[in-house]
């Protein structure tokens, strides 16, 4: 786990040679692969994929390795995962998609990549919050403008009646 999170490729290679269980999980249900995705260690991610890790396995909260990479803005990891046919429409236990997580990561290239891969990702989570609302709350104006340009609804409220305008970008022009 530590070697994967820390990006220590040579150590991970040696551990694999010694048949360490790369499918093992910690108490949160995270795998070495999910931690490599979380920390953006692309070379370790590729090595683990080559050694048949489970690229889809969520942790106890339903957060997938893809969601980890999206939430931290690791574009190169997201590309590797998508090249390996990871499911980009999965949701965690709260109904959040990888796109929702990518709006926290602030990487517009990831947002674009995910929307191009599956245009249905702007759906709200179980609380009615949308990726646009998440981008607004983080103050990521380029992502807000991009999502609106791709058809995100600026009027629809969440389960508490709050709309995207309640986010930090309320003082700027959204159009």
C-alpha atoms as a PDB file:
ATOM      1  CA  UNK A   1       0.000   0.000   0.000  1.00  0.00           C
ATOM      2  CA  UNK A   2       2.669   2.501   1.039  1.00  0.00           C
ATOM      3  CA  UNK A   3       4.900   1.773  -1.943  1.00  0.00           C
ATOM      4  CA  UNK A   4       1.994   2.223  -4.370  1.00  0.00           C
ATOM      5  CA  UNK A   5       0.818   5.442  -2.752  1.00  0.00           C
ATOM      6  CA  UNK A   6       4.354   6.783  -2.654  1.00  0.00           C
ATOM      7  CA  UNK A   7       5.035   5.911  -6.297  1.00  0.00           C
ATOM      8  CA  UNK A   8       8.012   3.683  -5.517  1.00  0.00           C
ATOM      9  CA  UNK A   9       7.973   1.717  -8.765  1.00  0.00           C
ATOM     10  CA  UNK A  10      11.091  -0.383  -8.080  1.00  0.00           C
ATOM     11  CA  UNK A  11       9.744  -1.412  -4.676  1.00  0.00           C
ATOM     12  CA  UNK A  12       6.354  -2.337  -6.156  1.00  0.00           C
ATOM     13  CA  UNK A  13       8.102  -4.368  -8.894  1.00  0.00           C
ATOM     14  CA  UNK A  14      10.102  -6.246  -6.262  1.00  0.00           C
ATOM     15  CA  UNK A  15       7.021  -6.934  -4.145  1.00  0.00           C
ATOM     16  CA  UNK A  16       5.159  -8.282  -7.176  1.00  0.00           C
ATOM     17  CA  UNK A  17       8.127 -10.540  -7.953  1.00  0.00           C
ATOM     18  CA  UNK A  18       7.747 -11.894  -4.418  1.00  0.00           C
ATOM     19  CA  UNK A  19       4.035 -12.594  -5.000  1.00  0.00           C
ATOM     20  CA  UNK A  20       2.653  -9.960  -2.648  1.00  0.00           C
ATOM     21  CA  UNK A  21      -1.146  -9.892  -2.911  1.00  0.00           C
ATOM     22  CA  UNK A  22      -1.920  -6.784  -4.983  1.00  0.00           C
ATOM     23  CA  UNK A  23      -5.648  -7.381  -4.490  1.00  0.00           C
ATOM     24  CA  UNK A  24      -5.423  -6.920  -0.720  1.00  0.00           C
ATOM     25  CA  UNK A  25      -7.468  -4.117   0.888  1.00  0.00           C
ATOM     26  CA  UNK A  26      -7.017  -1.926   3.932  1.00  0.00           C
ATOM     27  CA  UNK A  27      -9.747  -1.262   6.522  1.00  0.00           C
ATOM     28  CA  UNK A  28     -11.327   1.351   4.215  1.00  0.00           C
ATOM     29  CA  UNK A  29     -11.495  -1.150   1.377  1.00  0.00           C
ATOM     30  CA  UNK A  30      -8.790   0.653  -0.603  1.00  0.00           C
ATOM     31  CA  UNK A  31      -6.439  -1.454  -2.717  1.00  0.00           C
ATOM     32  CA  UNK A  32      -2.832  -0.698  -3.633  1.00  0.00           C
ATOM     33  CA  UNK A  33      -4.187   0.214  -7.085  1.00  0.00           C
ATOM     34  CA  UNK A  34      -6.715   2.715  -5.751  1.00  0.00           C
ATOM     35  CA  UNK A  35      -3.982   4.375  -3.680  1.00  0.00           C
ATOM     36  CA  UNK A  36      -1.685   4.611  -6.712  1.00  0.00           C
ATOM     37  CA  UNK A  37      -4.550   6.299  -8.597  1.00  0.00           C
ATOM     38  CA  UNK A  38      -5.223   8.643  -5.675  1.00  0.00           C
ATOM     39  CA  UNK A  39      -1.622   9.806  -5.575  1.00  0.00           C
ATOM     40  CA  UNK A  40      -1.262  10.005  -9.369  1.00  0.00           C
ATOM     41  CA  UNK A  41       1.496   7.447  -9.800  1.00  0.00           C
ATOM     42  CA  UNK A  42       0.954   6.576 -13.457  1.00  0.00           C
ATOM     43  CA  UNK A  43       3.866   4.147 -13.763  1.00  0.00           C
ATOM     44  CA  UNK A  44       2.700   2.181 -10.718  1.00  0.00           C
ATOM     45  CA  UNK A  45      -0.853   2.203 -12.101  1.00  0.00           C
ATOM     46  CA  UNK A  46       0.366   0.737 -15.393  1.00  0.00           C
ATOM     47  CA  UNK A  47       2.445  -1.915 -13.606  1.00  0.00           C
ATOM     48  CA  UNK A  48      -0.487  -3.012 -11.468  1.00  0.00           C
ATOM     49  CA  UNK A  49      -2.755  -3.203 -14.526  1.00  0.00           C
ATOM     50  CA  UNK A  50      -0.150  -5.373 -16.272  1.00  0.00           C
ATOM     51  CA  UNK A  51      -0.262  -7.644 -13.223  1.00  0.00           C
ATOM     52  CA  UNK A  52      -4.035  -8.078 -13.371  1.00  0.00           C
ATOM     53  CA  UNK A  53      -5.219  -5.866 -10.522  1.00  0.00           C
ATOM     54  CA  UNK A  54      -8.923  -5.055 -10.295  1.00  0.00           C
ATOM     55  CA  UNK A  55      -9.231  -1.604 -11.875  1.00  0.00           C
ATOM     56  CA  UNK A  56     -12.928  -1.324 -10.984  1.00  0.00           C
ATOM     57  CA  UNK A  57     -12.901  -2.282  -7.287  1.00  0.00           C
ATOM     58  CA  UNK A  58     -14.503   0.424  -5.139  1.00  0.00           C
ATOM     59  CA  UNK A  59     -13.646   1.025  -1.503  1.00  0.00           C
ATOM     60  CA  UNK A  60     -16.182   0.746   1.324  1.00  0.00           C
ATOM     61  CA  UNK A  61     -17.760   4.078   0.304  1.00  0.00           C
ATOM     62  CA  UNK A  62     -18.113   3.003  -3.316  1.00  0.00           C
ATOM     63  CA  UNK A  63     -15.265   5.262  -4.439  1.00  0.00           C
ATOM     64  CA  UNK A  64     -13.451   3.725  -7.389  1.00  0.00           C
ATOM     65  CA  UNK A  65      -9.823   4.180  -8.435  1.00  0.00           C
ATOM     66  CA  UNK A  66     -11.095   6.363 -11.298  1.00  0.00           C
ATOM     67  CA  UNK A  67     -12.917   8.620  -8.849  1.00  0.00           C
ATOM     68  CA  UNK A  68      -9.707   8.930  -6.821  1.00  0.00           C
ATOM     69  CA  UNK A  69      -7.743  10.021  -9.889  1.00  0.00           C
ATOM     70  CA  UNK A  70     -10.487  12.405 -11.015  1.00  0.00           C
ATOM     71  CA  UNK A  71     -10.819  14.004  -7.593  1.00  0.00           C
ATOM     72  CA  UNK A  72      -7.118  14.759  -7.465  1.00  0.00           C
ATOM     73  CA  UNK A  73      -6.870  15.951 -11.084  1.00  0.00           C
ATOM     74  CA  UNK A  74      -4.494  13.215 -12.297  1.00  0.00           C
ATOM     75  CA  UNK A  75      -5.119  13.373 -16.046  1.00  0.00           C
ATOM     76  CA  UNK A  76      -2.483  10.818 -17.037  1.00  0.00           C
ATOM     77  CA  UNK A  77      -3.959   8.223 -14.668  1.00  0.00           C
ATOM     78  CA  UNK A  78      -7.492   8.901 -15.925  1.00  0.00           C
ATOM     79  CA  UNK A  79      -6.296   8.402 -19.507  1.00  0.00           C
ATOM     80  CA  UNK A  80      -4.662   5.067 -18.609  1.00  0.00           C
ATOM     81  CA  UNK A  81      -7.834   3.914 -16.882  1.00  0.00           C
ATOM     82  CA  UNK A  82     -10.023   4.906 -19.809  1.00  0.00           C
ATOM     83  CA  UNK A  83      -7.653   3.159 -22.230  1.00  0.00           C
ATOM     84  CA  UNK A  84      -8.271   0.042 -20.136  1.00  0.00           C
ATOM     85  CA  UNK A  85     -12.058   0.382 -20.419  1.00  0.00           C
ATOM     86  CA  UNK A  86     -12.821   1.454 -16.885  1.00  0.00           C
ATOM     87  CA  UNK A  87     -16.511   2.198 -16.263  1.00  0.00           C
ATOM     88  CA  UNK A  88     -16.874   5.998 -16.266  1.00  0.00           C
ATOM     89  CA  UNK A  89     -20.565   6.000 -15.373  1.00  0.00           C
ATOM     90  CA  UNK A  90     -20.314   4.219 -12.023  1.00  0.00           C
ATOM     91  CA  UNK A  91     -21.438   5.978  -8.850  1.00  0.00           C
ATOM     92  CA  UNK A  92     -20.297   5.865  -5.254  1.00  0.00           C
ATOM     93  CA  UNK A  93     -22.659   5.310  -2.300  1.00  0.00           C
ATOM     94  CA  UNK A  94     -23.838   8.926  -2.532  1.00  0.00           C
ATOM     95  CA  UNK A  95     -24.530   8.748  -6.259  1.00  0.00           C
ATOM     96  CA  UNK A  96     -21.473  10.776  -7.269  1.00  0.00           C
ATOM     97  CA  UNK A  97     -19.994  10.019 -10.689  1.00  0.00           C
ATOM     98  CA  UNK A  98     -16.345  10.354 -11.728  1.00  0.00           C
ATOM     99  CA  UNK A  99     -17.368  13.656 -13.365  1.00  0.00           C
ATOM    100  CA  UNK A 100     -18.606  14.928  -9.992  1.00  0.00           C
ATOM    101  CA  UNK A 101     -15.223  14.046  -8.487  1.00  0.00           C
ATOM    102  CA  UNK A 102     -13.369  15.659 -11.397  1.00  0.00           C
ATOM    103  CA  UNK A 103     -15.110  18.955 -10.676  1.00  0.00           C
ATOM    104  CA  UNK A 104     -13.398  18.842  -7.258  1.00  0.00           C
ATOM    105  CA  UNK A 105     -10.041  18.105  -8.870  1.00  0.00           C
ATOM    106  CA  UNK A 106     -10.185  21.222 -11.015  1.00  0.00           C
ATOM    107  CA  UNK A 107      -8.751  19.650 -14.165  1.00  0.00           C
ATOM    108  CA  UNK A 108     -10.875  20.777 -17.117  1.00  0.00           C
ATOM    109  CA  UNK A 109      -9.174  18.263 -19.418  1.00  0.00           C
ATOM    110  CA  UNK A 110     -10.498  15.419 -17.256  1.00  0.00           C
ATOM    111  CA  UNK A 111     -13.972  16.964 -17.250  1.00  0.00           C
ATOM    112  CA  UNK A 112     -13.887  17.195 -21.044  1.00  0.00           C
ATOM    113  CA  UNK A 113     -12.577  13.639 -21.414  1.00  0.00           C
ATOM    114  CA  UNK A 114     -15.348  12.216 -19.233  1.00  0.00           C
ATOM    115  CA  UNK A 115     -18.133  14.175 -20.922  1.00  0.00           C
ATOM    116  CA  UNK A 116     -16.861  13.111 -24.344  1.00  0.00           C
ATOM    117  CA  UNK A 117     -16.818   9.517 -23.088  1.00  0.00           C
ATOM    118  CA  UNK A 118     -20.398   9.585 -21.779  1.00  0.00           C
ATOM    119  CA  UNK A 119     -22.558  12.694 -22.016  1.00  0.00           C
ATOM    120  CA  UNK A 120     -24.957  11.464 -19.323  1.00  0.00           C
ATOM    121  CA  UNK A 121     -22.591  12.169 -16.481  1.00  0.00           C
ATOM    122  CA  UNK A 122     -24.136  15.507 -15.497  1.00  0.00           C
ATOM    123  CA  UNK A 123     -26.889  13.736 -13.581  1.00  0.00           C
ATOM    124  CA  UNK A 124     -27.350  14.740  -9.933  1.00  0.00           C
ATOM    125  CA  UNK A 125     -26.236  12.597  -7.001  1.00  0.00           C
ATOM    126  CA  UNK A 126     -28.698  11.305  -4.393  1.00  0.00           C
ATOM    127  CA  UNK A 127     -28.795  14.761  -2.732  1.00  0.00           C
ATOM    128  CA  UNK A 128     -29.656  16.388  -6.035  1.00  0.00           C
ATOM    129  CA  UNK A 129     -26.226  17.997  -6.350  1.00  0.00           C
ATOM    130  CA  UNK A 130     -24.783  18.143  -9.847  1.00  0.00           C
ATOM    131  CA  UNK A 131     -21.204  18.304 -11.098  1.00  0.00           C
ATOM    132  CA  UNK A 132     -21.908  21.963 -11.937  1.00  0.00           C
ATOM    133  CA  UNK A 133     -22.814  22.646  -8.306  1.00  0.00           C
ATOM    134  CA  UNK A 134     -19.591  20.994  -7.209  1.00  0.00           C
ATOM    135  CA  UNK A 135     -17.525  23.106  -9.621  1.00  0.00           C
ATOM    136  CA  UNK A 136     -19.318  26.240  -8.407  1.00  0.00           C
ATOM    137  CA  UNK A 137     -18.652  25.401  -4.751  1.00  0.00           C
ATOM    138  CA  UNK A 138     -14.942  24.989  -5.519  1.00  0.00           C
ATOM    139  CA  UNK A 139     -14.785  28.222  -7.535  1.00  0.00           C
ATOM    140  CA  UNK A 140     -13.519  26.566 -10.725  1.00  0.00           C
ATOM    141  CA  UNK A 141     -14.819  29.136 -13.200  1.00  0.00           C
ATOM    142  CA  UNK A 142     -13.328  27.511 -16.355  1.00  0.00           C
ATOM    143  CA  UNK A 143     -15.089  24.240 -15.478  1.00  0.00           C
ATOM    144  CA  UNK A 144     -18.322  26.082 -14.661  1.00  0.00           C
ATOM    145  CA  UNK A 145     -18.270  27.824 -18.035  1.00  0.00           C
ATOM    146  CA  UNK A 146     -17.382  24.573 -19.799  1.00  0.00           C
ATOM    147  CA  UNK A 147     -20.225  22.625 -18.149  1.00  0.00           C
ATOM    148  CA  UNK A 148     -22.740  25.339 -18.939  1.00  0.00           C
ATOM    149  CA  UNK A 149     -21.505  25.351 -22.532  1.00  0.00           C
ATOM    150  CA  UNK A 150     -22.126  21.595 -22.635  1.00  0.00           C
ATOM    151  CA  UNK A 151     -25.712  22.014 -21.420  1.00  0.00           C
ATOM    152  CA  UNK A 152     -25.536  21.853 -17.608  1.00  0.00           C
ATOM    153  CA  UNK A 153     -28.710  23.220 -16.008  1.00  0.00           C
ATOM    154  CA  UNK A 154     -28.033  26.382 -13.985  1.00  0.00           C
ATOM    155  CA  UNK A 155     -31.598  26.651 -12.660  1.00  0.00           C
ATOM    156  CA  UNK A 156     -32.186  23.164 -11.263  1.00  0.00           C
ATOM    157  CA  UNK A 157     -31.871  22.966  -7.482  1.00  0.00           C
ATOM    158  CA  UNK A 158     -30.693  20.167  -5.234  1.00  0.00           C
ATOM    159  CA  UNK A 159     -32.890  18.408  -2.659  1.00  0.00           C
ATOM    160  CA  UNK A 160     -32.622  21.497  -0.426  1.00  0.00           C
ATOM    161  CA  UNK A 161     -33.584  23.934  -3.183  1.00  0.00           C
ATOM    162  CA  UNK A 162     -30.087  25.340  -3.641  1.00  0.00           C
ATOM    163  CA  UNK A 163     -29.055  26.075  -7.219  1.00  0.00           C
ATOM    164  CA  UNK A 164     -25.527  26.383  -8.615  1.00  0.00           C
ATOM    165  CA  UNK A 165     -25.661  30.157  -8.103  1.00  0.00           C
ATOM    166  CA  UNK A 166     -25.295  29.591  -4.343  1.00  0.00           C
ATOM    167  CA  UNK A 167     -21.679  28.525  -5.008  1.00  0.00           C
ATOM    168  CA  UNK A 168     -18.604  30.735  -4.774  1.00  0.00           C
ATOM    169  CA  UNK A 169     -18.878  31.947  -8.363  1.00  0.00           C
ATOM    170  CA  UNK A 170     -22.189  33.754  -7.839  1.00  0.00           C
ATOM    171  CA  UNK A 171     -20.499  37.114  -8.350  1.00  0.00           C
ATOM    172  CA  UNK A 172     -19.230  36.295 -11.812  1.00  0.00           C
ATOM    173  CA  UNK A 173     -21.009  36.063 -15.117  1.00  0.00           C
ATOM    174  CA  UNK A 174     -21.786  32.426 -15.847  1.00  0.00           C
ATOM    175  CA  UNK A 175     -22.601  32.886 -19.503  1.00  0.00           C
END
